[in-house]
């Protein structure tokens, strides 16, 4: 079982990593949302079903999940 100091150090490292990657994700998310592939996907989703007012974060994640699963075939 990890010691309390080890657990705290891991938590601090994870928080630092999340803080460092957040700006990268924000820029990547905006770039993906502006791409023609995402725009086509979004239009298709709106025609098939309502996007339920999902945030751009959730929309981009869903787009990436579907795109990557298609590429895996």
N, C-alpha and C. Protein backbone atom coordinates (compact mmCIF):
# COMPACT_ATOMS: atom_id res chain seq x y z
N UNK A 1 0.86 -1.18 0.00
CA UNK A 1 0.00 0.00 0.00
C UNK A 1 0.91 1.24 0.00
N UNK A 2 0.66 2.20 -0.89
CA UNK A 2 1.51 3.39 -0.95
C UNK A 2 1.39 4.24 0.30
N UNK A 3 2.49 4.89 0.61
CA UNK A 3 2.49 5.78 1.77
C UNK A 3 1.71 7.04 1.44
N UNK A 4 1.33 7.76 2.48
CA UNK A 4 0.58 8.99 2.31
C UNK A 4 1.38 10.03 1.52
N UNK A 5 2.68 10.12 1.79
CA UNK A 5 3.52 11.08 1.08
C UNK A 5 3.60 10.72 -0.40
N UNK A 6 3.70 9.41 -0.70
CA UNK A 6 3.75 8.96 -2.09
C UNK A 6 2.44 9.29 -2.80
N UNK A 7 1.33 9.04 -2.15
CA UNK A 7 0.01 9.33 -2.72
C UNK A 7 -0.14 10.82 -2.98
N UNK A 8 0.28 11.64 -2.04
CA UNK A 8 0.20 13.09 -2.21
C UNK A 8 1.08 13.55 -3.36
N UNK A 9 2.27 12.97 -3.49
CA UNK A 9 3.18 13.34 -4.58
C UNK A 9 2.58 12.95 -5.91
N UNK A 10 1.96 11.77 -5.99
CA UNK A 10 1.32 11.34 -7.23
C UNK A 10 0.15 12.26 -7.59
N UNK A 11 -0.63 12.63 -6.59
CA UNK A 11 -1.77 13.53 -6.83
C UNK A 11 -1.28 14.88 -7.32
N UNK A 12 -0.22 15.39 -6.73
CA UNK A 12 0.34 16.68 -7.15
C UNK A 12 0.89 16.60 -8.56
N UNK A 13 1.56 15.50 -8.89
CA UNK A 13 2.11 15.32 -10.25
C UNK A 13 0.98 15.24 -11.27
N UNK A 14 -0.08 14.52 -10.95
CA UNK A 14 -1.22 14.40 -11.86
C UNK A 14 -1.89 15.75 -12.07
N UNK A 15 -2.04 16.51 -11.00
CA UNK A 15 -2.66 17.84 -11.11
C UNK A 15 -1.80 18.76 -11.96
N UNK A 16 -0.48 18.68 -11.80
CA UNK A 16 0.43 19.50 -12.60
C UNK A 16 0.34 19.11 -14.07
N UNK A 17 0.30 17.81 -14.34
CA UNK A 17 0.20 17.34 -15.72
C UNK A 17 -1.12 17.80 -16.35
N UNK A 18 -2.23 17.66 -15.61
CA UNK A 18 -3.52 18.12 -16.12
C UNK A 18 -3.48 19.61 -16.41
N UNK A 19 -2.88 20.37 -15.51
CA UNK A 19 -2.79 21.82 -15.68
C UNK A 19 -1.95 22.16 -16.92
N UNK A 20 -0.91 21.39 -17.19
CA UNK A 20 -0.04 21.65 -18.33
C UNK A 20 -0.70 21.25 -19.64
N UNK A 21 -1.50 20.21 -19.63
CA UNK A 21 -2.12 19.73 -20.87
C UNK A 21 -3.42 20.46 -21.20
N UNK A 22 -4.00 21.13 -20.23
CA UNK A 22 -5.26 21.83 -20.46
C UNK A 22 -5.18 22.85 -21.60
N UNK A 23 -4.17 23.72 -21.64
CA UNK A 23 -4.08 24.68 -22.74
C UNK A 23 -3.90 23.98 -24.10
N UNK A 24 -3.16 22.87 -24.10
CA UNK A 24 -2.97 22.12 -25.35
C UNK A 24 -4.31 21.57 -25.83
N UNK A 25 -5.07 20.97 -24.91
CA UNK A 25 -6.38 20.42 -25.27
C UNK A 25 -7.31 21.53 -25.76
N UNK A 26 -7.29 22.67 -25.10
CA UNK A 26 -8.15 23.78 -25.52
C UNK A 26 -7.86 24.20 -26.96
N UNK A 27 -6.58 24.33 -27.32
CA UNK A 27 -6.21 24.71 -28.69
C UNK A 27 -6.55 23.60 -29.68
N UNK A 28 -6.29 22.37 -29.30
CA UNK A 28 -6.58 21.23 -30.17
C UNK A 28 -8.08 21.11 -30.40
N UNK A 29 -8.85 21.29 -29.35
CA UNK A 29 -10.30 21.21 -29.44
C UNK A 29 -10.85 22.25 -30.41
N UNK A 30 -10.35 23.46 -30.35
CA UNK A 30 -10.79 24.53 -31.24
C UNK A 30 -10.41 24.20 -32.69
N UNK A 31 -9.20 23.69 -32.90
CA UNK A 31 -8.75 23.34 -34.25
C UNK A 31 -9.60 22.20 -34.82
N UNK A 32 -9.88 21.20 -34.00
CA UNK A 32 -10.71 20.08 -34.47
C UNK A 32 -12.11 20.56 -34.80
N UNK A 33 -12.69 21.39 -33.94
CA UNK A 33 -14.04 21.90 -34.16
C UNK A 33 -14.14 22.73 -35.42
N UNK A 34 -13.04 23.34 -35.84
CA UNK A 34 -13.04 24.17 -37.05
C UNK A 34 -12.79 23.34 -38.31
N UNK A 35 -12.40 22.07 -38.15
CA UNK A 35 -12.07 21.25 -39.31
C UNK A 35 -13.31 20.88 -40.12
N UNK A 36 -13.12 20.66 -41.40
CA UNK A 36 -14.24 20.29 -42.27
C UNK A 36 -14.81 18.93 -41.88
N UNK A 37 -13.95 18.01 -41.44
CA UNK A 37 -14.43 16.70 -41.02
C UNK A 37 -15.37 16.80 -39.83
N UNK A 38 -15.01 17.63 -38.87
CA UNK A 38 -15.86 17.81 -37.71
C UNK A 38 -17.17 18.50 -38.10
N UNK A 39 -17.08 19.49 -38.94
CA UNK A 39 -18.29 20.21 -39.36
C UNK A 39 -19.25 19.26 -40.09
N UNK A 40 -18.72 18.40 -40.95
CA UNK A 40 -19.57 17.41 -41.65
C UNK A 40 -20.19 16.44 -40.65
N UNK A 41 -19.38 15.97 -39.72
CA UNK A 41 -19.87 15.05 -38.70
C UNK A 41 -20.98 15.70 -37.87
N UNK A 42 -20.75 16.95 -37.49
CA UNK A 42 -21.73 17.67 -36.66
C UNK A 42 -23.06 17.83 -37.41
N UNK A 43 -22.99 18.16 -38.68
CA UNK A 43 -24.21 18.29 -39.48
C UNK A 43 -24.93 16.95 -39.57
N UNK A 44 -24.18 15.89 -39.78
CA UNK A 44 -24.77 14.55 -39.84
C UNK A 44 -25.43 14.19 -38.51
N UNK A 45 -24.77 14.53 -37.42
CA UNK A 45 -25.33 14.25 -36.10
C UNK A 45 -26.62 15.02 -35.86
N UNK A 46 -26.64 16.26 -36.32
CA UNK A 46 -27.84 17.08 -36.14
C UNK A 46 -29.00 16.54 -36.96
N UNK A 47 -28.69 15.96 -38.11
CA UNK A 47 -29.74 15.37 -38.95
C UNK A 47 -30.25 14.06 -38.36
N UNK A 48 -29.33 13.27 -37.79
CA UNK A 48 -29.72 11.98 -37.20
C UNK A 48 -30.42 12.16 -35.86
N UNK A 49 -29.92 13.07 -35.07
CA UNK A 49 -30.47 13.30 -33.74
C UNK A 49 -29.98 14.65 -33.23
N UNK A 50 -30.63 15.12 -32.23
CA UNK A 50 -30.22 16.37 -31.61
C UNK A 50 -28.94 16.14 -30.82
N UNK A 51 -28.03 17.10 -30.87
CA UNK A 51 -26.80 16.99 -30.08
C UNK A 51 -27.05 17.36 -28.62
N UNK A 52 -28.30 17.59 -28.28
CA UNK A 52 -28.70 17.84 -26.90
C UNK A 52 -27.91 18.97 -26.25
N UNK A 53 -27.55 19.95 -27.02
CA UNK A 53 -26.83 21.10 -26.51
C UNK A 53 -25.54 20.71 -25.79
N UNK A 54 -24.88 19.65 -26.30
CA UNK A 54 -23.60 19.24 -25.72
C UNK A 54 -22.58 20.35 -25.88
N UNK A 55 -21.68 20.44 -24.93
CA UNK A 55 -20.60 21.40 -25.01
C UNK A 55 -19.68 21.01 -26.16
N UNK A 56 -18.90 21.96 -26.64
CA UNK A 56 -17.96 21.68 -27.72
C UNK A 56 -16.98 20.61 -27.26
N UNK A 57 -16.64 20.60 -25.99
CA UNK A 57 -15.74 19.58 -25.44
C UNK A 57 -16.32 18.19 -25.65
N UNK A 58 -17.58 18.00 -25.29
CA UNK A 58 -18.23 16.70 -25.44
C UNK A 58 -18.41 16.34 -26.91
N UNK A 59 -18.73 17.32 -27.74
CA UNK A 59 -18.90 17.06 -29.17
C UNK A 59 -17.58 16.60 -29.80
N UNK A 60 -16.49 17.28 -29.48
CA UNK A 60 -15.18 16.92 -30.03
C UNK A 60 -14.78 15.53 -29.54
N UNK A 61 -15.01 15.24 -28.28
CA UNK A 61 -14.67 13.91 -27.75
C UNK A 61 -15.46 12.82 -28.46
N UNK A 62 -16.75 13.05 -28.68
CA UNK A 62 -17.57 12.07 -29.38
C UNK A 62 -17.11 11.90 -30.82
N UNK A 63 -16.79 13.01 -31.48
CA UNK A 63 -16.28 12.96 -32.85
C UNK A 63 -14.98 12.15 -32.92
N UNK A 64 -14.06 12.43 -32.00
CA UNK A 64 -12.79 11.70 -31.99
C UNK A 64 -13.00 10.22 -31.72
N UNK A 65 -13.88 9.90 -30.79
CA UNK A 65 -14.17 8.50 -30.47
C UNK A 65 -14.70 7.77 -31.70
N UNK A 66 -15.66 8.36 -32.39
CA UNK A 66 -16.24 7.73 -33.58
C UNK A 66 -15.21 7.64 -34.70
N UNK A 67 -14.44 8.70 -34.91
CA UNK A 67 -13.44 8.71 -35.98
C UNK A 67 -12.36 7.67 -35.72
N UNK A 68 -11.87 7.59 -34.50
CA UNK A 68 -10.83 6.62 -34.18
C UNK A 68 -11.34 5.19 -34.25
N UNK A 69 -12.58 4.96 -33.88
CA UNK A 69 -13.11 3.59 -33.98
C UNK A 69 -13.28 3.21 -35.45
N UNK A 70 -13.62 4.16 -36.31
CA UNK A 70 -13.73 3.89 -37.73
C UNK A 70 -12.35 3.58 -38.31
N UNK A 71 -11.34 4.33 -37.91
CA UNK A 71 -9.97 4.10 -38.39
C UNK A 71 -9.42 2.76 -37.91
N UNK A 72 -9.91 2.28 -36.78
CA UNK A 72 -9.40 1.02 -36.22
C UNK A 72 -9.82 -0.18 -37.08
N UNK A 73 -10.85 -0.03 -37.89
CA UNK A 73 -11.27 -1.12 -38.78
C UNK A 73 -10.28 -1.23 -39.85
